[in-house]
Protein backbone atom coordinates (compact mmCIF):
# COMPACT_ATOMS: atom_id res chain seq x y z
CA UNK A 1 -33.98 -4.97 -18.75
CA UNK A 2 -34.54 -8.52 -20.01
CA UNK A 3 -30.63 -7.72 -21.75
CA UNK A 4 -29.53 -6.81 -18.16
CA UNK A 5 -31.31 -9.00 -15.90
CA UNK A 6 -29.66 -11.63 -18.74
CA UNK A 7 -26.07 -10.27 -18.57
CA UNK A 8 -26.21 -10.02 -14.93
CA UNK A 9 -26.68 -13.71 -14.56
CA UNK A 10 -24.13 -14.35 -17.01
CA UNK A 11 -21.53 -12.41 -15.35
CA UNK A 12 -22.14 -14.53 -12.20
CA UNK A 13 -21.51 -17.51 -13.81
CA UNK A 14 -18.59 -16.79 -15.53
CA UNK A 15 -17.37 -15.34 -12.23
CA UNK A 16 -17.89 -18.45 -9.86
CA UNK A 17 -16.27 -20.52 -12.90
CA UNK A 18 -13.48 -18.89 -12.73
CA UNK A 19 -12.93 -18.53 -9.12
CA UNK A 20 -13.88 -22.07 -8.49
CA UNK A 21 -10.82 -22.91 -11.36
CA UNK A 22 -8.80 -20.86 -9.62
CA UNK A 23 -9.96 -22.28 -5.68
CA UNK A 24 -8.85 -25.91 -7.63
CA UNK A 25 -5.64 -24.87 -8.37
CA UNK A 26 -4.75 -23.01 -5.68
CA UNK A 27 -5.29 -26.19 -3.29
CA UNK A 28 -3.12 -27.97 -5.69
CA UNK A 29 -0.18 -25.65 -5.40
CA UNK A 30 -1.41 -25.56 -1.72
CA UNK A 31 0.01 -29.04 -1.40
CA UNK A 32 3.36 -28.38 -2.67
CA UNK A 33 4.04 -25.48 -0.34
CA UNK A 34 6.49 -27.54 1.40
CA UNK A 35 9.66 -28.77 2.31
CA UNK A 36 10.68 -31.97 -0.48
CA UNK A 37 13.36 -34.32 -0.80
CA UNK A 38 14.46 -36.36 -3.35
CA UNK A 39 13.21 -39.99 -2.97
CA UNK A 40 15.74 -41.45 -5.54
CA UNK A 41 15.55 -45.22 -4.94
CA UNK A 42 11.65 -44.28 -6.21
CA UNK A 43 12.79 -42.69 -9.32
CA UNK A 44 11.56 -44.07 -13.01
CA UNK A 45 13.45 -43.30 -15.35
CA UNK A 46 13.22 -38.86 -15.93
CA UNK A 47 10.53 -38.94 -13.72
CA UNK A 48 12.47 -38.14 -10.31
CA UNK A 49 10.11 -38.58 -7.31
CA UNK A 50 10.28 -36.51 -3.81
CA UNK A 51 9.12 -36.86 -0.56
CA UNK A 52 8.19 -34.93 2.65
CA UNK A 53 10.82 -34.19 4.38
CA UNK A 54 8.65 -35.84 7.62
CA UNK A 55 8.73 -39.18 5.56
CA UNK A 56 10.41 -42.17 7.21
CA UNK A 57 13.49 -42.90 4.51
CA UNK A 58 15.79 -45.46 4.29
CA UNK A 59 19.52 -44.94 5.06
CA UNK A 60 20.98 -42.52 2.47
CA UNK A 61 24.02 -40.79 2.11
CA UNK A 62 22.34 -37.45 1.21
CA UNK A 63 19.53 -35.77 -0.15
CA UNK A 64 18.98 -33.21 -1.88
CA UNK A 65 15.78 -31.57 -2.43
CA UNK A 66 13.72 -28.00 -2.27
CA UNK A 67 10.74 -26.19 -0.35
CA UNK A 68 8.49 -24.48 -2.02
CA UNK A 69 6.53 -21.42 0.02
CA UNK A 70 3.18 -19.51 -0.69
CA UNK A 71 4.73 -16.37 -1.59
CA UNK A 72 7.22 -17.74 -4.40
CA UNK A 73 9.72 -18.26 -2.49
CA UNK A 74 11.82 -21.38 -3.36
CA UNK A 75 15.14 -22.75 -1.64
CA UNK A 76 16.88 -25.58 -3.27
CA UNK A 77 18.67 -27.87 -1.27
CA UNK A 78 21.88 -29.49 -2.52
CA UNK A 79 24.93 -31.47 -0.70
CA UNK A 80 27.09 -29.36 0.81
CA UNK A 81 31.08 -30.33 0.51
CA UNK A 82 30.72 -30.83 4.13
CA UNK A 83 27.99 -33.87 3.09
CA UNK A 84 25.19 -31.48 5.39
CA UNK A 85 22.98 -29.71 2.95
CA UNK A 86 23.48 -26.08 1.47
CA UNK A 87 19.96 -24.03 0.63
CA UNK A 88 19.90 -21.96 -2.57
CA UNK A 89 17.58 -19.30 -2.85
CA UNK A 90 15.18 -18.53 -5.76
CA UNK A 91 11.70 -18.20 -6.65
CA UNK A 92 9.19 -20.34 -7.75
CA UNK A 93 6.41 -19.55 -10.45
CA UNK A 94 2.88 -21.59 -12.24
CA UNK A 95 3.22 -21.11 -15.50
CA UNK A 96 0.53 -23.62 -16.11
CA UNK A 97 -1.44 -26.09 -13.81
CA UNK A 98 1.45 -28.08 -14.28
CA UNK A 99 4.74 -26.32 -14.65
CA UNK A 100 6.84 -24.77 -12.70
CA UNK A 101 9.59 -21.84 -13.53
CA UNK A 102 12.61 -22.20 -10.74
CA UNK A 103 14.42 -19.02 -10.92
CA UNK A 104 17.79 -19.17 -8.17
CA UNK A 105 19.27 -16.03 -7.05
CA UNK A 106 22.80 -16.64 -7.23
CA UNK A 107 22.70 -17.37 -11.29
CA UNK A 108 25.33 -20.41 -10.83
CA UNK A 109 22.87 -22.53 -12.80
CA UNK A 110 20.25 -21.66 -15.85
CA UNK A 111 16.82 -21.30 -14.90
CA UNK A 112 14.62 -24.71 -15.07
CA UNK A 113 11.07 -26.07 -15.33
CA UNK A 114 9.77 -28.94 -13.58
CA UNK A 115 6.76 -30.38 -14.82
CA UNK A 116 4.70 -32.12 -12.27
CA UNK A 117 3.74 -35.21 -13.28
CA UNK A 118 1.97 -36.22 -10.06
CA UNK A 119 1.38 -34.76 -6.89
CA UNK A 120 -0.62 -35.60 -3.82
CA UNK A 121 0.47 -34.88 0.24
CA UNK A 122 3.11 -37.66 0.45
CA UNK A 123 4.48 -38.13 -2.92
CA UNK A 124 5.25 -35.54 -5.94
CA UNK A 125 6.77 -36.68 -9.37
CA UNK A 126 8.25 -34.42 -11.39
CA UNK A 127 10.77 -33.78 -15.14
CA UNK A 128 13.11 -31.31 -14.86
CA UNK A 129 13.34 -29.41 -18.22
CA UNK A 130 15.69 -26.69 -18.76
CA UNK A 131 14.23 -23.59 -19.19
CA UNK A 132 14.83 -22.15 -22.95
């Protein structure tokens, strides 16, 4: 009986720890779920800086960006030939708590990864890495 009680307690503790860490990762990924535009003025070497599309950006001839949806849908916004934005659909998956794999449906470009350097509700800093 004691062995069963000990096993039950350990199971509950393990489950609680797993749920807690999953919830934290979920909350961080929830911050990602929005439309981000490139704040190229703030780039630092190979670190690209993005701000929410509601941010008061200084004037620019165009801004690229992307949108993350909670269900893994992704839209990459490129500058269109008419200087507007052109959305390219794809998917995003979290490889770990700081690396995202991006796959575009049209396959015009190879898959790539975004390494999250830092993120909060108003700022996203990433490094783009070509996928293997």
